[in-house]
Amino acid sequence: MNQGSRRGVFGISVVTELTGVSQQNLRAYEARGLIKPRRTKGGTRLYSQDDIDRINEISALLESGVNHEGASQVMKLRRETDRLRRDIAELTDAQDDPDRPERPM
């Protein structure tokens, strides 16, 4: 994941256009902890590309019949799976490179 994809640059009206999700639903997703857009000092929501991708994933889950709590659990499990895959890749790389220092636990 690159740093630019996390930077909040899109306003809520742009996100609504890009995702087809209403502003009301975006606020509801945020209230339920499904997304966490950045805020300006004035409180304006700014969404990143990562947020938009997450919104699209949530929308797909909801459209398939999963409720909001289920979507939240699926998203949590996906993040955990991604983290575990990165850990496995690092361990595999370390095993393949005997000169690489060990990663602290």
C-alpha atoms as a PDB file:
ATOM      1  CA  MET A   1       0.000   0.000   0.000  1.00  0.00           C
ATOM      2  CA  ASN A   2       1.561   3.276  -0.942  1.00  0.00           C
ATOM      3  CA  GLN A   3       1.416   6.389   1.210  1.00  0.00           C
ATOM      4  CA  GLY A   4      -0.415   8.409  -1.470  1.00  0.00           C
ATOM      5  CA  SER A   5      -3.345   6.002  -1.413  1.00  0.00           C
ATOM      6  CA  ARG A   6      -3.940   6.885   2.263  1.00  0.00           C
ATOM      7  CA  ARG A   7      -3.958  10.646   1.801  1.00  0.00           C
ATOM      8  CA  GLY A   8      -7.393  12.230   2.205  1.00  0.00           C
ATOM      9  CA  VAL A   9      -8.059  14.271  -0.927  1.00  0.00           C
ATOM     10  CA  PHE A  10     -11.657  13.585  -1.973  1.00  0.00           C
ATOM     11  CA  GLY A  11     -14.627  15.459  -0.530  1.00  0.00           C
ATOM     12  CA  ILE A  12     -17.821  13.620   0.341  1.00  0.00           C
ATOM     13  CA  SER A  13     -19.677  14.776  -2.783  1.00  0.00           C
ATOM     14  CA  VAL A  14     -16.884  13.436  -5.019  1.00  0.00           C
ATOM     15  CA  VAL A  15     -16.887  10.121  -3.149  1.00  0.00           C
ATOM     16  CA  THR A  16     -20.644   9.873  -3.608  1.00  0.00           C
ATOM     17  CA  GLU A  17     -20.139  10.336  -7.344  1.00  0.00           C
ATOM     18  CA  LEU A  18     -17.265   7.846  -7.549  1.00  0.00           C
ATOM     19  CA  THR A  19     -18.898   5.101  -5.479  1.00  0.00           C
ATOM     20  CA  GLY A  20     -22.626   5.621  -5.937  1.00  0.00           C
ATOM     21  CA  VAL A  21     -23.023   5.570  -2.138  1.00  0.00           C
ATOM     22  CA  SER A  22     -25.128   8.401  -0.726  1.00  0.00           C
ATOM     23  CA  GLN A  23     -23.677  10.918   1.686  1.00  0.00           C
ATOM     24  CA  GLN A  24     -26.080   9.645   4.333  1.00  0.00           C
ATOM     25  CA  ASN A  25     -24.764   6.090   3.918  1.00  0.00           C
ATOM     26  CA  LEU A  26     -21.147   7.298   3.979  1.00  0.00           C
ATOM     27  CA  ARG A  27     -21.867   8.999   7.301  1.00  0.00           C
ATOM     28  CA  ALA A  28     -23.533   5.807   8.556  1.00  0.00           C
ATOM     29  CA  TYR A  29     -20.491   3.721   7.505  1.00  0.00           C
ATOM     30  CA  GLU A  30     -18.309   6.120   9.459  1.00  0.00           C
ATOM     31  CA  ALA A  31     -20.601   6.022  12.519  1.00  0.00           C
ATOM     32  CA  ARG A  32     -20.419   2.203  12.476  1.00  0.00           C
ATOM     33  CA  GLY A  33     -16.625   2.297  12.255  1.00  0.00           C
ATOM     34  CA  LEU A  34     -16.468   0.797   8.754  1.00  0.00           C
ATOM     35  CA  ILE A  35     -14.509   3.763   7.373  1.00  0.00           C
ATOM     36  CA  LYS A  36     -12.548   6.569   8.971  1.00  0.00           C
ATOM     37  CA  PRO A  37     -12.035   9.536   6.657  1.00  0.00           C
ATOM     38  CA  ARG A  38      -9.515  12.198   7.599  1.00  0.00           C
ATOM     39  CA  ARG A  39     -10.851  15.527   8.861  1.00  0.00           C
ATOM     40  CA  THR A  40      -9.705  19.055   8.166  1.00  0.00           C
ATOM     41  CA  LYS A  41      -9.337  21.462  11.076  1.00  0.00           C
ATOM     42  CA  GLY A  42     -12.823  22.681  10.172  1.00  0.00           C
ATOM     43  CA  GLY A  43     -14.232  19.143  10.359  1.00  0.00           C
ATOM     44  CA  THR A  44     -14.666  18.500   6.632  1.00  0.00           C
ATOM     45  CA  ARG A  45     -14.335  14.829   5.723  1.00  0.00           C
ATOM     46  CA  LEU A  46     -11.550  13.984   3.277  1.00  0.00           C
ATOM     47  CA  TYR A  47     -11.472  10.475   1.816  1.00  0.00           C
ATOM     48  CA  SER A  48      -8.425   8.684   0.439  1.00  0.00           C
ATOM     49  CA  GLN A  49      -8.233   6.190  -2.414  1.00  0.00           C
ATOM     50  CA  ASP A  50      -7.995   3.475   0.243  1.00  0.00           C
ATOM     51  CA  ASP A  51     -11.270   4.759   1.735  1.00  0.00           C
ATOM     52  CA  ILE A  52     -12.929   4.626  -1.690  1.00  0.00           C
ATOM     53  CA  ASP A  53     -11.709   1.065  -2.222  1.00  0.00           C
ATOM     54  CA  ARG A  54     -13.034   0.108   1.219  1.00  0.00           C
ATOM     55  CA  ILE A  55     -16.404   1.773   0.480  1.00  0.00           C
ATOM     56  CA  ASN A  56     -16.662  -0.230  -2.744  1.00  0.00           C
ATOM     57  CA  GLU A  57     -15.901  -3.449  -0.818  1.00  0.00           C
ATOM     58  CA  ILE A  58     -18.510  -2.604   1.808  1.00  0.00           C
ATOM     59  CA  SER A  59     -21.087  -1.837  -0.891  1.00  0.00           C
ATOM     60  CA  ALA A  60     -20.427  -5.155  -2.595  1.00  0.00           C
ATOM     61  CA  LEU A  61     -20.832  -7.020   0.703  1.00  0.00           C
ATOM     62  CA  LEU A  62     -24.069  -5.215   1.536  1.00  0.00           C
ATOM     63  CA  GLU A  63     -25.447  -5.845  -1.953  1.00  0.00           C
ATOM     64  CA  SER A  64     -24.696  -9.554  -1.541  1.00  0.00           C
ATOM     65  CA  GLY A  65     -26.886  -9.674   1.554  1.00  0.00           C
ATOM     66  CA  VAL A  66     -24.335  -9.244   4.343  1.00  0.00           C
ATOM     67  CA  ASN A  67     -25.504  -6.848   7.069  1.00  0.00           C
ATOM     68  CA  HIS A  68     -23.394  -3.969   8.435  1.00  0.00           C
ATOM     69  CA  GLU A  69     -21.999  -5.995  11.350  1.00  0.00           C
ATOM     70  CA  GLY A  70     -21.128  -8.843   8.998  1.00  0.00           C
ATOM     71  CA  ALA A  71     -19.418  -6.397   6.642  1.00  0.00           C
ATOM     72  CA  SER A  72     -17.440  -5.029   9.570  1.00  0.00           C
ATOM     73  CA  GLN A  73     -16.292  -8.535  10.552  1.00  0.00           C
ATOM     74  CA  VAL A  74     -15.374  -9.437   6.955  1.00  0.00           C
ATOM     75  CA  MET A  75     -13.310  -6.246   6.624  1.00  0.00           C
ATOM     76  CA  LYS A  76     -11.562  -6.987   9.941  1.00  0.00           C
ATOM     77  CA  LEU A  77     -10.747 -10.533   8.828  1.00  0.00           C
ATOM     78  CA  ARG A  78      -9.434  -9.288   5.478  1.00  0.00           C
ATOM     79  CA  ARG A  79      -7.088  -6.837   7.219  1.00  0.00           C
ATOM     80  CA  GLU A  80      -5.859  -9.616   9.509  1.00  0.00           C
ATOM     81  CA  THR A  81      -5.352 -11.976   6.570  1.00  0.00           C
ATOM     82  CA  ASP A  82      -3.381  -9.294   4.700  1.00  0.00           C
ATOM     83  CA  ARG A  83      -1.192  -8.715   7.774  1.00  0.00           C
ATOM     84  CA  LEU A  84      -0.551 -12.438   8.169  1.00  0.00           C
ATOM     85  CA  ARG A  85       0.352 -12.766   4.487  1.00  0.00           C
ATOM     86  CA  ARG A  86       2.882  -9.928   4.855  1.00  0.00           C
ATOM     87  CA  ASP A  87       4.341 -11.638   7.944  1.00  0.00           C
ATOM     88  CA  ILE A  88       4.636 -14.951   6.086  1.00  0.00           C
ATOM     89  CA  ALA A  89       6.322 -13.234   3.134  1.00  0.00           C
ATOM     90  CA  GLU A  90       8.827 -11.557   5.486  1.00  0.00           C
ATOM     91  CA  LEU A  91       9.574 -14.837   7.255  1.00  0.00           C
ATOM     92  CA  THR A  92       9.983 -16.629   3.934  1.00  0.00           C
ATOM     93  CA  ASP A  93      12.344 -13.902   2.693  1.00  0.00           C
ATOM     94  CA  ALA A  94      14.331 -14.099   5.934  1.00  0.00           C
ATOM     95  CA  GLN A  95      14.611 -17.857   5.621  1.00  0.00           C
ATOM     96  CA  ASP A  96      15.803 -17.518   2.015  1.00  0.00           C
ATOM     97  CA  ASP A  97      18.401 -14.863   2.978  1.00  0.00           C
ATOM     98  CA  PRO A  98      20.621 -16.121   5.831  1.00  0.00           C
ATOM     99  CA  ASP A  99      22.492 -12.770   5.993  1.00  0.00           C
ATOM    100  CA  ARG A 100      19.322 -10.795   6.740  1.00  0.00           C
ATOM    101  CA  PRO A 101      19.042  -9.773  10.412  1.00  0.00           C
ATOM    102  CA  GLU A 102      16.192 -11.341  12.371  1.00  0.00           C
ATOM    103  CA  ARG A 103      13.009  -9.353  12.850  1.00  0.00           C
ATOM    104  CA  PRO A 104      12.373  -8.534  16.527  1.00  0.00           C
ATOM    105  CA  MET A 105       9.251 -10.192  17.936  1.00  0.00           C
END
